[in-house]
Amino acid sequence: MCGGYSCSKNTLVIINVCYMIVSFILIGAAVKEKVSGVVVNAPIIGGITACGVFLLGVSILGLWGALKHHQVSLFVYMVILFIIFIIQFSVSCAALGTSVETEKALVEDGWNKVSDEVKISAEKLFDCCGLHLADQNTTGLECNQLACYKTMKSDCKPCFEKIEDKVGAAFNYIGGLGLFFSFTELIGGVVACRYRNLVDPVNSGLAGNGGL
């Protein structure tokens, strides 16, 4: 890691630009992997999204502090970045360690909370009927409007069977992405701490000349 003032400043600027890109990736990944509104308000996916939003704000603060060498901004930046690292690391580990039973419970909770319109949209998207039982009389939804029902009633499968793999892949994808980028926040904190304690050679040189 470079130790000079200019090098540390440029490194911190580049890191915060990268953080901006990462924040958009995290937000986009969480939104993309939200399974058509079925997993509604899933805390883990919501946590990743929140981390992306906070990281975007912190990156703007860090960029300002780096360009202006503002001591207070850099200190606040380091503290918030460390907090985000802890949250993002914890949430990402939780996403990667989520069991099938937990995923199933989250899907069931989301399914029970959404309106029938959202359920019907999910059924049309995945061509499935109900969550665990493909029975129109039990689910009370319009499964007879589905392509699988019109072709052959027995071809309609429960929605959980259709989205189970997608839900698991979503948690693994988002968790792995969040875990990887959480370590870059440690690097940003270390660089900011070092840069904050360095003296601007230009200003120090002007001060020295003024004293002559």
N, C-alpha and C. Protein backbone atom coordinates (compact mmCIF):
# COMPACT_ATOMS: atom_id res chain seq x y z
N MET A 1 0.85 -1.20 0.00
CA MET A 1 0.00 0.00 0.00
C MET A 1 0.88 1.24 0.00
N CYS A 2 0.62 2.17 -0.86
CA CYS A 2 1.44 3.38 -0.96
C CYS A 2 1.27 4.22 0.30
N GLY A 3 2.35 4.92 0.66
CA GLY A 3 2.32 5.68 1.89
C GLY A 3 2.32 7.17 1.68
N GLY A 4 2.50 7.66 0.45
CA GLY A 4 2.54 9.09 0.19
C GLY A 4 1.17 9.73 0.25
N TYR A 5 1.16 11.05 0.41
CA TYR A 5 -0.09 11.80 0.52
C TYR A 5 -0.91 11.68 -0.77
N SER A 6 -0.29 11.98 -1.89
CA SER A 6 -1.01 11.96 -3.17
C SER A 6 -1.48 10.56 -3.52
N CYS A 7 -0.63 9.59 -3.26
CA CYS A 7 -0.99 8.20 -3.56
C CYS A 7 -2.17 7.75 -2.70
N SER A 8 -2.14 8.08 -1.41
CA SER A 8 -3.23 7.70 -0.51
C SER A 8 -4.53 8.39 -0.90
N LYS A 9 -4.41 9.67 -1.30
CA LYS A 9 -5.59 10.42 -1.72
C LYS A 9 -6.21 9.81 -2.96
N ASN A 10 -5.38 9.53 -3.97
CA ASN A 10 -5.88 8.95 -5.22
C ASN A 10 -6.47 7.56 -4.98
N THR A 11 -5.83 6.79 -4.10
CA THR A 11 -6.32 5.45 -3.79
C THR A 11 -7.70 5.53 -3.14
N LEU A 12 -7.85 6.48 -2.21
CA LEU A 12 -9.13 6.63 -1.52
C LEU A 12 -10.22 7.09 -2.47
N VAL A 13 -9.88 7.96 -3.41
CA VAL A 13 -10.86 8.41 -4.41
C VAL A 13 -11.31 7.24 -5.28
N ILE A 14 -10.35 6.44 -5.73
CA ILE A 14 -10.67 5.28 -6.57
C ILE A 14 -11.53 4.28 -5.80
N ILE A 15 -11.18 4.05 -4.53
CA ILE A 15 -11.93 3.11 -3.70
C ILE A 15 -13.39 3.56 -3.57
N ASN A 16 -13.60 4.85 -3.35
CA ASN A 16 -14.97 5.34 -3.17
C ASN A 16 -15.77 5.33 -4.46
N VAL A 17 -15.11 5.53 -5.58
CA VAL A 17 -15.78 5.38 -6.86
C VAL A 17 -16.21 3.93 -7.05
N CYS A 18 -15.31 3.03 -6.66
CA CYS A 18 -15.65 1.59 -6.73
C CYS A 18 -16.81 1.26 -5.79
N TYR A 19 -16.82 1.90 -4.61
CA TYR A 19 -17.92 1.68 -3.67
C TYR A 19 -19.25 2.09 -4.28
N MET A 20 -19.25 3.19 -5.03
CA MET A 20 -20.47 3.62 -5.69
C MET A 20 -20.96 2.55 -6.66
N ILE A 21 -20.02 2.00 -7.42
CA ILE A 21 -20.38 0.95 -8.38
C ILE A 21 -20.90 -0.28 -7.64
N VAL A 22 -20.20 -0.64 -6.55
CA VAL A 22 -20.60 -1.81 -5.77
C VAL A 22 -21.99 -1.62 -5.17
N SER A 23 -22.27 -0.41 -4.68
CA SER A 23 -23.58 -0.15 -4.08
C SER A 23 -24.70 -0.35 -5.09
N PHE A 24 -24.47 0.09 -6.33
CA PHE A 24 -25.48 -0.12 -7.37
C PHE A 24 -25.61 -1.61 -7.71
N ILE A 25 -24.49 -2.32 -7.67
CA ILE A 25 -24.53 -3.77 -7.94
C ILE A 25 -25.33 -4.48 -6.86
N LEU A 26 -25.08 -4.14 -5.59
CA LEU A 26 -25.78 -4.77 -4.48
C LEU A 26 -27.29 -4.49 -4.55
N ILE A 27 -27.63 -3.24 -4.79
CA ILE A 27 -29.05 -2.88 -4.89
C ILE A 27 -29.70 -3.59 -6.07
N GLY A 28 -29.02 -3.58 -7.21
CA GLY A 28 -29.56 -4.23 -8.40
C GLY A 28 -29.71 -5.72 -8.23
N ALA A 29 -28.71 -6.35 -7.57
CA ALA A 29 -28.76 -7.80 -7.36
C ALA A 29 -29.91 -8.18 -6.44
N ALA A 30 -30.10 -7.40 -5.38
CA ALA A 30 -31.18 -7.70 -4.44
C ALA A 30 -32.55 -7.56 -5.10
N VAL A 31 -32.69 -6.50 -5.91
CA VAL A 31 -33.97 -6.29 -6.60
C VAL A 31 -34.20 -7.37 -7.64
N LYS A 32 -33.15 -7.72 -8.37
CA LYS A 32 -33.26 -8.72 -9.43
C LYS A 32 -33.63 -10.08 -8.87
N GLU A 33 -33.05 -10.42 -7.72
CA GLU A 33 -33.25 -11.76 -7.18
C GLU A 33 -34.47 -11.86 -6.26
N LYS A 34 -35.21 -10.78 -6.16
CA LYS A 34 -36.46 -10.85 -5.42
C LYS A 34 -37.45 -11.59 -6.30
N VAL A 35 -37.85 -12.75 -5.90
CA VAL A 35 -38.56 -13.66 -6.80
C VAL A 35 -39.98 -13.19 -7.07
N SER A 36 -40.12 -12.25 -7.99
CA SER A 36 -41.41 -11.79 -8.49
C SER A 36 -42.40 -11.44 -7.39
N GLY A 37 -41.88 -10.83 -6.32
CA GLY A 37 -42.77 -10.39 -5.25
C GLY A 37 -43.21 -11.49 -4.32
N VAL A 38 -42.78 -12.75 -4.54
CA VAL A 38 -43.20 -13.84 -3.66
C VAL A 38 -42.46 -13.76 -2.34
N VAL A 39 -41.15 -13.52 -2.41
CA VAL A 39 -40.37 -13.35 -1.18
C VAL A 39 -40.46 -11.88 -0.80
N VAL A 40 -41.51 -11.49 -0.18
CA VAL A 40 -41.75 -10.09 0.13
C VAL A 40 -41.18 -9.75 1.49
N ASN A 41 -40.43 -8.65 1.55
CA ASN A 41 -39.84 -8.17 2.79
C ASN A 41 -38.96 -9.21 3.46
N ALA A 42 -38.31 -10.07 2.68
CA ALA A 42 -37.38 -11.02 3.25
C ALA A 42 -36.27 -10.22 3.92
N PRO A 43 -36.00 -10.44 5.21
CA PRO A 43 -35.06 -9.59 5.94
C PRO A 43 -33.65 -9.64 5.40
N ILE A 44 -33.22 -10.78 4.88
CA ILE A 44 -31.85 -10.89 4.40
C ILE A 44 -31.66 -10.09 3.12
N ILE A 45 -32.58 -10.24 2.17
CA ILE A 45 -32.50 -9.48 0.93
C ILE A 45 -32.67 -7.99 1.22
N GLY A 46 -33.55 -7.66 2.14
CA GLY A 46 -33.72 -6.27 2.53
C GLY A 46 -32.47 -5.71 3.18
N GLY A 47 -31.78 -6.55 3.95
CA GLY A 47 -30.54 -6.12 4.58
C GLY A 47 -29.46 -5.80 3.57
N ILE A 48 -29.35 -6.63 2.54
CA ILE A 48 -28.37 -6.39 1.48
C ILE A 48 -28.69 -5.09 0.75
N THR A 49 -29.98 -4.86 0.48
CA THR A 49 -30.38 -3.62 -0.19
C THR A 49 -30.05 -2.40 0.66
N ALA A 50 -30.32 -2.50 1.95
CA ALA A 50 -30.02 -1.38 2.86
C ALA A 50 -28.52 -1.10 2.89
N CYS A 51 -27.72 -2.16 2.90
CA CYS A 51 -26.26 -1.98 2.88
C CYS A 51 -25.82 -1.26 1.61
N GLY A 52 -26.45 -1.60 0.50
CA GLY A 52 -26.10 -0.94 -0.75
C GLY A 52 -26.42 0.54 -0.72
N VAL A 53 -27.58 0.89 -0.14
CA VAL A 53 -27.98 2.30 -0.05
C VAL A 53 -27.04 3.06 0.87
N PHE A 54 -26.74 2.49 2.03
CA PHE A 54 -25.84 3.15 2.97
C PHE A 54 -24.43 3.27 2.39
N LEU A 55 -24.00 2.24 1.67
CA LEU A 55 -22.67 2.28 1.07
C LEU A 55 -22.58 3.40 0.04
N LEU A 56 -23.65 3.65 -0.68
CA LEU A 56 -23.68 4.73 -1.64
C LEU A 56 -23.50 6.08 -0.94
N GLY A 57 -24.22 6.27 0.16
CA GLY A 57 -24.09 7.51 0.91
C GLY A 57 -22.71 7.69 1.51
N VAL A 58 -22.16 6.60 2.04
CA VAL A 58 -20.84 6.68 2.64
C VAL A 58 -19.77 6.95 1.59
N SER A 59 -19.93 6.37 0.41
CA SER A 59 -18.94 6.59 -0.65
C SER A 59 -18.90 8.07 -1.06
N ILE A 60 -20.06 8.71 -1.06
CA ILE A 60 -20.11 10.14 -1.37
C ILE A 60 -19.40 10.95 -0.28
N LEU A 61 -19.64 10.56 0.97
CA LEU A 61 -18.96 11.22 2.09
C LEU A 61 -17.46 11.01 2.02
N GLY A 62 -17.04 9.78 1.73
CA GLY A 62 -15.61 9.49 1.63
C GLY A 62 -14.95 10.21 0.48
N LEU A 63 -15.66 10.34 -0.63
CA LEU A 63 -15.12 11.04 -1.79
C LEU A 63 -14.92 12.53 -1.46
N TRP A 64 -15.88 13.10 -0.77
CA TRP A 64 -15.76 14.50 -0.35
C TRP A 64 -14.58 14.67 0.62
N GLY A 65 -14.49 13.78 1.60
CA GLY A 65 -13.39 13.87 2.57
C GLY A 65 -12.03 13.69 1.94
N ALA A 66 -11.96 12.81 0.93
CA ALA A 66 -10.68 12.56 0.26
C ALA A 66 -10.25 13.77 -0.56
N LEU A 67 -11.18 14.36 -1.28
CA LEU A 67 -10.84 15.50 -2.15
C LEU A 67 -10.49 16.74 -1.34
N LYS A 68 -11.18 16.92 -0.19
CA LYS A 68 -10.96 18.11 0.62
C LYS A 68 -10.00 17.87 1.79
N HIS A 69 -9.64 16.60 2.01
CA HIS A 69 -8.81 16.22 3.17
C HIS A 69 -9.45 16.75 4.45
N HIS A 70 -10.76 16.54 4.54
CA HIS A 70 -11.54 17.04 5.67
C HIS A 70 -11.47 16.03 6.81
N GLN A 71 -10.90 16.45 7.94
CA GLN A 71 -10.64 15.54 9.05
C GLN A 71 -11.91 14.94 9.63
N VAL A 72 -12.91 15.78 9.86
CA VAL A 72 -14.16 15.29 10.47
C VAL A 72 -14.88 14.33 9.52
N SER A 73 -14.95 14.69 8.25
CA SER A 73 -15.62 13.82 7.27
C SER A 73 -14.93 12.47 7.17
N LEU A 74 -13.61 12.48 7.19
CA LEU A 74 -12.87 11.22 7.10
C LEU A 74 -13.07 10.36 8.34
N PHE A 75 -13.16 11.00 9.52
CA PHE A 75 -13.39 10.24 10.75
C PHE A 75 -14.78 9.60 10.75
N VAL A 76 -15.79 10.40 10.40
CA VAL A 76 -17.15 9.87 10.32
C VAL A 76 -17.23 8.77 9.27
N TYR A 77 -16.53 8.98 8.17
CA TYR A 77 -16.49 7.99 7.09
C TYR A 77 -15.94 6.65 7.58
N MET A 78 -14.86 6.70 8.35
CA MET A 78 -14.26 5.46 8.86
C MET A 78 -15.19 4.73 9.80
N VAL A 79 -15.83 5.49 10.70
CA VAL A 79 -16.73 4.87 11.68
C VAL A 79 -17.92 4.20 10.98
N ILE A 80 -18.56 4.95 10.08
CA ILE A 80 -19.73 4.40 9.39
C ILE A 80 -19.34 3.22 8.52
N LEU A 81 -18.19 3.30 7.86
CA LEU A 81 -17.73 2.22 7.00
C LEU A 81 -17.51 0.94 7.80
N PHE A 82 -16.97 1.09 9.00
CA PHE A 82 -16.75 -0.08 9.85
C PHE A 82 -18.09 -0.70 10.27
N ILE A 83 -19.07 0.16 10.60
CA ILE A 83 -20.39 -0.34 10.99
C ILE A 83 -21.05 -1.08 9.83
N ILE A 84 -20.94 -0.50 8.63
CA ILE A 84 -21.52 -1.15 7.45
C ILE A 84 -20.84 -2.48 7.19
N PHE A 85 -19.53 -2.52 7.41
CA PHE A 85 -18.80 -3.78 7.22
C PHE A 85 -19.36 -4.87 8.13
N ILE A 86 -19.58 -4.53 9.40
CA ILE A 86 -20.10 -5.52 10.35
C ILE A 86 -21.49 -6.00 9.93
N ILE A 87 -22.36 -5.04 9.57
CA ILE A 87 -23.72 -5.40 9.16
C ILE A 87 -23.70 -6.25 7.90
N GLN A 88 -22.95 -5.78 6.90
CA GLN A 88 -22.93 -6.48 5.62
C GLN A 88 -22.31 -7.86 5.75
N PHE A 89 -21.26 -7.96 6.54
CA PHE A 89 -20.62 -9.27 6.76
C PHE A 89 -21.57 -10.23 7.44
N SER A 90 -22.28 -9.75 8.46
CA SER A 90 -23.22 -10.60 9.20
C SER A 90 -24.38 -11.05 8.33
N VAL A 91 -24.96 -10.10 7.60
CA VAL A 91 -26.11 -10.42 6.75
C VAL A 91 -25.71 -11.37 5.63
N SER A 92 -24.53 -11.16 5.06
CA SER A 92 -24.06 -12.01 3.97
C SER A 92 -23.83 -13.44 4.46
N CYS A 93 -23.24 -13.57 5.64
CA CYS A 93 -23.04 -14.91 6.21
C CYS A 93 -24.38 -15.58 6.50
N ALA A 94 -25.36 -14.77 6.96
CA ALA A 94 -26.69 -15.32 7.22
C ALA A 94 -27.34 -15.80 5.93
N ALA A 95 -27.14 -15.03 4.84
CA ALA A 95 -27.71 -15.43 3.55
C ALA A 95 -27.09 -16.73 3.06
N LEU A 96 -25.77 -16.85 3.20
CA LEU A 96 -25.09 -18.06 2.74
C LEU A 96 -25.43 -19.27 3.61
N GLY A 97 -25.71 -19.01 4.89
CA GLY A 97 -26.00 -20.11 5.81
C GLY A 97 -27.48 -20.41 5.98
N THR A 98 -28.33 -19.78 5.18
CA THR A 98 -29.77 -20.00 5.30
C THR A 98 -30.13 -21.43 4.91
N SER A 99 -30.84 -22.11 5.78
CA SER A 99 -31.24 -23.49 5.51
C SER A 99 -32.46 -23.53 4.60
N VAL A 100 -32.73 -24.69 4.06
CA VAL A 100 -33.90 -24.86 3.19
C VAL A 100 -35.19 -24.60 3.96
N GLU A 101 -35.21 -25.00 5.25
CA GLU A 101 -36.39 -24.78 6.07
C GLU A 101 -36.66 -23.29 6.27
N THR A 102 -35.56 -22.54 6.48
CA THR A 102 -35.71 -21.09 6.67
C THR A 102 -36.19 -20.43 5.38
N GLU A 103 -35.61 -20.84 4.26
CA GLU A 103 -36.04 -20.30 2.98
C GLU A 103 -37.52 -20.59 2.75
N LYS A 104 -37.93 -21.80 3.08
CA LYS A 104 -39.33 -22.18 2.91
C LYS A 104 -40.24 -21.32 3.79
N ALA A 105 -39.80 -21.08 5.03
CA ALA A 105 -40.60 -20.26 5.95
C ALA A 105 -40.70 -18.82 5.45
N LEU A 106 -39.61 -18.28 4.88
CA LEU A 106 -39.64 -16.92 4.35
C LEU A 106 -40.58 -16.80 3.17
N VAL A 107 -40.55 -17.81 2.30
CA VAL A 107 -41.44 -17.81 1.14
C VAL A 107 -42.90 -17.90 1.58
N GLU A 108 -43.15 -18.79 2.54
CA GLU A 108 -44.52 -18.94 3.05
C GLU A 108 -45.01 -17.64 3.69
N ASP A 109 -44.14 -17.01 4.45
CA ASP A 109 -44.52 -15.76 5.10
C ASP A 109 -44.84 -14.68 4.07
N GLY A 110 -44.00 -14.60 3.05
CA GLY A 110 -44.23 -13.62 1.99
C GLY A 110 -45.50 -13.93 1.21
N TRP A 111 -45.72 -15.20 0.91
CA TRP A 111 -46.89 -15.62 0.15
C TRP A 111 -48.17 -15.29 0.91
N ASN A 112 -48.17 -15.50 2.21
CA ASN A 112 -49.37 -15.25 3.02
C ASN A 112 -49.68 -13.77 3.17
N LYS A 113 -48.67 -12.91 3.01
CA LYS A 113 -48.87 -11.47 3.21
C LYS A 113 -49.32 -10.74 1.95
N VAL A 114 -48.96 -11.27 0.79
CA VAL A 114 -49.27 -10.53 -0.44
C VAL A 114 -50.73 -10.73 -0.84
N SER A 115 -51.19 -9.86 -1.72
CA SER A 115 -52.57 -9.93 -2.20
C SER A 115 -52.72 -11.05 -3.23
N ASP A 116 -53.97 -11.38 -3.53
CA ASP A 116 -54.23 -12.41 -4.53
C ASP A 116 -53.72 -12.00 -5.91
N GLU A 117 -53.73 -10.70 -6.19
CA GLU A 117 -53.24 -10.23 -7.49
C GLU A 117 -51.75 -10.56 -7.67
N VAL A 118 -50.98 -10.39 -6.60
CA VAL A 118 -49.54 -10.70 -6.66
C VAL A 118 -49.35 -12.21 -6.80
N LYS A 119 -50.16 -12.98 -6.09
CA LYS A 119 -50.05 -14.43 -6.19
C LYS A 119 -50.36 -14.91 -7.60
N ILE A 120 -51.41 -14.34 -8.18
CA ILE A 120 -51.79 -14.72 -9.55
C ILE A 120 -50.69 -14.34 -10.53
N SER A 121 -50.06 -13.19 -10.31
CA SER A 121 -48.95 -12.77 -11.19
C SER A 121 -47.79 -13.75 -11.08
N ALA A 122 -47.51 -14.19 -9.86
CA ALA A 122 -46.43 -15.17 -9.67
C ALA A 122 -46.78 -16.50 -10.32
N GLU A 123 -48.05 -16.90 -10.22
CA GLU A 123 -48.48 -18.16 -10.82
C GLU A 123 -48.35 -18.11 -12.35
N LYS A 124 -48.72 -16.97 -12.92
CA LYS A 124 -48.62 -16.82 -14.37
C LYS A 124 -47.15 -16.80 -14.82
N LEU A 125 -46.30 -16.16 -14.01
CA LEU A 125 -44.89 -16.06 -14.36
C LEU A 125 -44.22 -17.42 -14.35
N PHE A 126 -44.49 -18.21 -13.30
CA PHE A 126 -43.84 -19.52 -13.16
C PHE A 126 -44.72 -20.67 -13.63
N ASP A 127 -45.93 -20.37 -14.11
CA ASP A 127 -46.85 -21.39 -14.60
C ASP A 127 -47.07 -22.46 -13.54
N CYS A 128 -47.52 -22.03 -12.36
CA CYS A 128 -47.73 -22.93 -11.24
C CYS A 128 -49.02 -22.55 -10.53
N CYS A 129 -49.50 -23.43 -9.65
CA CYS A 129 -50.77 -23.20 -8.97
C CYS A 129 -50.58 -23.38 -7.47
N GLY A 130 -50.92 -22.35 -6.69
CA GLY A 130 -50.78 -22.45 -5.25
C GLY A 130 -49.32 -22.47 -4.82
N LEU A 131 -49.08 -22.50 -3.53
CA LEU A 131 -47.71 -22.53 -3.04
C LEU A 131 -47.21 -23.94 -2.83
N HIS A 132 -47.96 -24.73 -2.08
CA HIS A 132 -47.55 -26.11 -1.81
C HIS A 132 -48.50 -27.16 -2.38
N LEU A 133 -49.69 -26.71 -2.80
CA LEU A 133 -50.68 -27.66 -3.31
C LEU A 133 -51.34 -27.08 -4.55
N ALA A 134 -51.18 -27.76 -5.67
CA ALA A 134 -51.73 -27.28 -6.94
C ALA A 134 -53.20 -27.68 -7.05
N ASP A 135 -54.01 -27.05 -6.23
CA ASP A 135 -55.43 -27.36 -6.20
C ASP A 135 -56.20 -26.03 -6.20
N GLN A 136 -56.90 -25.78 -7.27
CA GLN A 136 -57.62 -24.52 -7.40
C GLN A 136 -58.67 -24.35 -6.30
N ASN A 137 -59.32 -25.43 -5.92
CA ASN A 137 -60.35 -25.35 -4.90
C ASN A 137 -59.76 -25.01 -3.53
N THR A 138 -58.52 -25.45 -3.30
CA THR A 138 -57.86 -25.20 -2.01
C THR A 138 -57.26 -23.80 -1.97
N THR A 139 -56.59 -23.41 -3.05
CA THR A 139 -55.91 -22.12 -3.07
C THR A 139 -56.87 -20.96 -3.27
N GLY A 140 -58.00 -21.20 -3.92
CA GLY A 140 -58.95 -20.13 -4.17
C GLY A 140 -58.49 -19.17 -5.25
N LEU A 141 -57.45 -19.54 -5.99
CA LEU A 141 -56.93 -18.68 -7.05
C LEU A 141 -57.33 -19.21 -8.41
N GLU A 142 -57.18 -18.38 -9.41
CA GLU A 142 -57.66 -18.72 -10.75
C GLU A 142 -56.64 -19.56 -11.52
N CYS A 143 -56.42 -20.77 -11.04
CA CYS A 143 -55.44 -21.64 -11.69
C CYS A 143 -55.92 -22.10 -13.07
N ASN A 144 -57.22 -22.07 -13.30
CA ASN A 144 -57.74 -22.52 -14.59
C ASN A 144 -57.36 -21.58 -15.72
N GLN A 145 -56.80 -20.42 -15.38
CA GLN A 145 -56.36 -19.48 -16.41
C GLN A 145 -54.91 -19.75 -16.84
N LEU A 146 -54.24 -20.68 -16.17
CA LEU A 146 -52.83 -20.95 -16.46
C LEU A 146 -52.70 -21.85 -17.68
N ALA A 147 -51.55 -21.71 -18.35
CA ALA A 147 -51.29 -22.52 -19.54
C ALA A 147 -51.20 -24.00 -19.19
N CYS A 148 -50.60 -24.32 -18.06
CA CYS A 148 -50.45 -25.73 -17.68
C CYS A 148 -51.81 -26.36 -17.39
N TYR A 149 -52.74 -25.58 -16.83
CA TYR A 149 -54.06 -26.09 -16.50
C TYR A 149 -54.86 -26.35 -17.77
N LYS A 150 -54.68 -25.48 -18.75
CA LYS A 150 -55.42 -25.64 -20.00
C LYS A 150 -54.90 -26.82 -20.80
N THR A 151 -53.59 -27.05 -20.72
CA THR A 151 -53.00 -28.17 -21.46
C THR A 151 -53.37 -29.50 -20.81
N MET A 152 -53.02 -29.61 -19.55
CA MET A 152 -53.34 -30.82 -18.79
C MET A 152 -53.32 -30.45 -17.31
N LYS A 153 -54.38 -30.65 -16.62
CA LYS A 153 -54.51 -30.21 -15.23
C LYS A 153 -53.39 -30.77 -14.36
N SER A 154 -52.98 -32.00 -14.62
CA SER A 154 -51.95 -32.65 -13.79
C SER A 154 -50.57 -32.03 -14.02
N ASP A 155 -50.42 -31.22 -15.09
CA ASP A 155 -49.12 -30.59 -15.35
C ASP A 155 -48.86 -29.40 -14.45
N CYS A 156 -49.89 -28.86 -13.82
CA CYS A 156 -49.72 -27.72 -12.93
C CYS A 156 -49.08 -28.18 -11.62
N LYS A 157 -47.92 -27.59 -11.31
CA LYS A 157 -47.21 -27.93 -10.09
C LYS A 157 -47.31 -26.78 -9.09
N PRO A 158 -47.11 -27.07 -7.81
CA PRO A 158 -47.10 -25.99 -6.82
C PRO A 158 -45.97 -25.01 -7.10
N CYS A 159 -46.18 -23.76 -6.74
CA CYS A 159 -45.19 -22.73 -7.06
C CYS A 159 -43.88 -22.93 -6.31
N PHE A 160 -43.94 -23.47 -5.11
CA PHE A 160 -42.71 -23.62 -4.35
C PHE A 160 -41.75 -24.58 -5.04
N GLU A 161 -42.29 -25.59 -5.70
CA GLU A 161 -41.43 -26.51 -6.45
C GLU A 161 -40.74 -25.80 -7.60
N LYS A 162 -41.42 -24.82 -8.18
CA LYS A 162 -40.87 -24.10 -9.32
C LYS A 162 -39.81 -23.08 -8.90
N ILE A 163 -40.00 -22.47 -7.71
CA ILE A 163 -39.10 -21.38 -7.33
C ILE A 163 -38.08 -21.78 -6.26
N GLU A 164 -38.15 -23.01 -5.77
CA GLU A 164 -37.26 -23.42 -4.69
C GLU A 164 -35.79 -23.23 -5.07
N ASP A 165 -35.42 -23.70 -6.25
CA ASP A 165 -34.03 -23.57 -6.69
C ASP A 165 -33.64 -22.11 -6.91
N LYS A 166 -34.59 -21.32 -7.42
CA LYS A 166 -34.32 -19.91 -7.67
C LYS A 166 -34.11 -19.15 -6.37
N VAL A 167 -34.89 -19.49 -5.34
CA VAL A 167 -34.74 -18.84 -4.04
C VAL A 167 -33.38 -19.15 -3.44
N GLY A 168 -33.00 -20.44 -3.47
CA GLY A 168 -31.70 -20.84 -2.94
C GLY A 168 -30.55 -20.18 -3.68
N ALA A 169 -30.65 -20.12 -5.00
CA ALA A 169 -29.61 -19.47 -5.80
C ALA A 169 -29.53 -17.99 -5.50
N ALA A 170 -30.69 -17.36 -5.24
CA ALA A 170 -30.71 -15.93 -4.94
C ALA A 170 -29.99 -15.64 -3.64
N PHE A 171 -30.25 -16.43 -2.61
CA PHE A 171 -29.58 -16.22 -1.33
C PHE A 171 -28.07 -16.43 -1.46
N ASN A 172 -27.67 -17.47 -2.17
CA ASN A 172 -26.24 -17.74 -2.34
C ASN A 172 -25.55 -16.65 -3.15
N TYR A 173 -26.21 -16.18 -4.19
CA TYR A 173 -25.63 -15.16 -5.05
C TYR A 173 -25.46 -13.84 -4.31
N ILE A 174 -26.53 -13.41 -3.64
CA ILE A 174 -26.48 -12.15 -2.92
C ILE A 174 -25.54 -12.24 -1.72
N GLY A 175 -25.58 -13.36 -1.01
CA GLY A 175 -24.70 -13.53 0.14
C GLY A 175 -23.23 -13.54 -0.25
N GLY A 176 -22.91 -14.26 -1.31
CA GLY A 176 -21.51 -14.30 -1.76
C GLY A 176 -21.03 -12.95 -2.24
N LEU A 177 -21.89 -12.24 -2.96
CA LEU A 177 -21.52 -10.92 -3.46
C LEU A 177 -21.30 -9.95 -2.31
N GLY A 178 -22.20 -9.97 -1.33
CA GLY A 178 -22.07 -9.08 -0.19
C GLY A 178 -20.85 -9.40 0.65
N LEU A 179 -20.55 -10.69 0.82
CA LEU A 179 -19.40 -11.09 1.61
C LEU A 179 -18.10 -10.67 0.95
N PHE A 180 -18.03 -10.82 -0.35
CA PHE A 180 -16.81 -10.45 -1.07
C PHE A 180 -16.52 -8.95 -0.94
N PHE A 181 -17.55 -8.14 -1.17
CA PHE A 181 -17.35 -6.71 -1.16
C PHE A 181 -17.26 -6.12 0.24
N SER A 182 -17.68 -6.88 1.25
CA SER A 182 -17.57 -6.35 2.62
C SER A 182 -16.11 -6.19 3.03
N PHE A 183 -15.23 -7.07 2.49
CA PHE A 183 -13.82 -6.97 2.85
C PHE A 183 -13.15 -5.76 2.21
N THR A 184 -13.70 -5.28 1.11
CA THR A 184 -13.12 -4.08 0.51
C THR A 184 -13.35 -2.86 1.39
N GLU A 185 -14.37 -2.93 2.25
CA GLU A 185 -14.63 -1.82 3.15
C GLU A 185 -13.56 -1.69 4.22
N LEU A 186 -12.98 -2.82 4.61
CA LEU A 186 -11.86 -2.77 5.54
C LEU A 186 -10.67 -2.05 4.92
N ILE A 187 -10.43 -2.33 3.66
CA ILE A 187 -9.33 -1.66 2.95
C ILE A 187 -9.57 -0.16 2.90
N GLY A 188 -10.80 0.23 2.60
CA GLY A 188 -11.14 1.65 2.55
C GLY A 188 -10.93 2.32 3.90
N GLY A 189 -11.31 1.63 4.99
CA GLY A 189 -11.12 2.20 6.32
C GLY A 189 -9.66 2.39 6.68
N VAL A 190 -8.83 1.42 6.31
CA VAL A 190 -7.39 1.52 6.59
C VAL A 190 -6.75 2.66 5.81
N VAL A 191 -7.11 2.76 4.53
CA VAL A 191 -6.55 3.84 3.70
C VAL A 191 -7.00 5.20 4.21
N ALA A 192 -8.28 5.31 4.60
CA ALA A 192 -8.79 6.58 5.11
C ALA A 192 -8.10 6.98 6.41
N CYS A 193 -7.85 6.00 7.27
CA CYS A 193 -7.17 6.28 8.53
C CYS A 193 -5.75 6.78 8.28
N ARG A 194 -5.07 6.14 7.36
CA ARG A 194 -3.70 6.56 7.05
C ARG A 194 -3.69 7.94 6.39
N TYR A 195 -4.58 8.14 5.44
CA TYR A 195 -4.64 9.41 4.73
C TYR A 195 -5.00 10.56 5.66
N ARG A 196 -5.87 10.30 6.63
CA ARG A 196 -6.31 11.33 7.57
C ARG A 196 -5.15 11.84 8.41
N ASN A 197 -4.20 10.98 8.72
CA ASN A 197 -3.06 11.35 9.57
C ASN A 197 -1.89 11.93 8.80
N LEU A 198 -2.01 12.00 7.48
CA LEU A 198 -0.93 12.58 6.68
C LEU A 198 -1.11 14.09 6.55
N VAL A 199 0.00 14.78 6.33
CA VAL A 199 0.00 16.23 6.17
C VAL A 199 0.05 16.57 4.69
N ASP A 200 -0.81 17.49 4.29
CA ASP A 200 -0.82 17.95 2.90
C ASP A 200 0.49 18.67 2.61
N PRO A 201 1.33 18.14 1.73
CA PRO A 201 2.64 18.78 1.47
C PRO A 201 2.50 20.16 0.86
N VAL A 202 1.43 20.41 0.09
CA VAL A 202 1.25 21.72 -0.52
C VAL A 202 0.97 22.77 0.53
N ASN A 203 -0.02 22.47 1.41
CA ASN A 203 -0.36 23.43 2.47
C ASN A 203 0.75 23.60 3.48
N SER A 204 1.43 22.52 3.78
CA SER A 204 2.54 22.62 4.74
C SER A 204 3.68 23.44 4.13
N GLY A 205 3.87 23.31 2.81
CA GLY A 205 4.93 24.06 2.15
C GLY A 205 4.60 25.55 2.13
N LEU A 206 3.32 25.87 1.90
CA LEU A 206 2.90 27.27 1.91
C LEU A 206 3.05 27.88 3.30
N ALA A 207 2.70 27.06 4.30
CA ALA A 207 2.82 27.54 5.67
C ALA A 207 4.27 27.79 6.02
N GLY A 208 5.15 26.89 5.52
CA GLY A 208 6.56 27.04 5.80
C GLY A 208 7.13 28.26 5.13
N ASN A 209 6.71 28.53 3.88
CA ASN A 209 7.20 29.71 3.16
C ASN A 209 6.72 31.00 3.81
N GLY A 210 5.48 30.95 4.35
CA GLY A 210 4.93 32.14 4.98
C GLY A 210 5.67 32.52 6.24
N GLY A 211 6.27 31.50 6.84
CA GLY A 211 6.98 31.77 8.08
C GLY A 211 8.37 32.29 7.87
N LEU A 212 8.85 32.24 6.55
CA LEU A 212 10.21 32.72 6.30
C LEU A 212 10.27 34.23 6.20
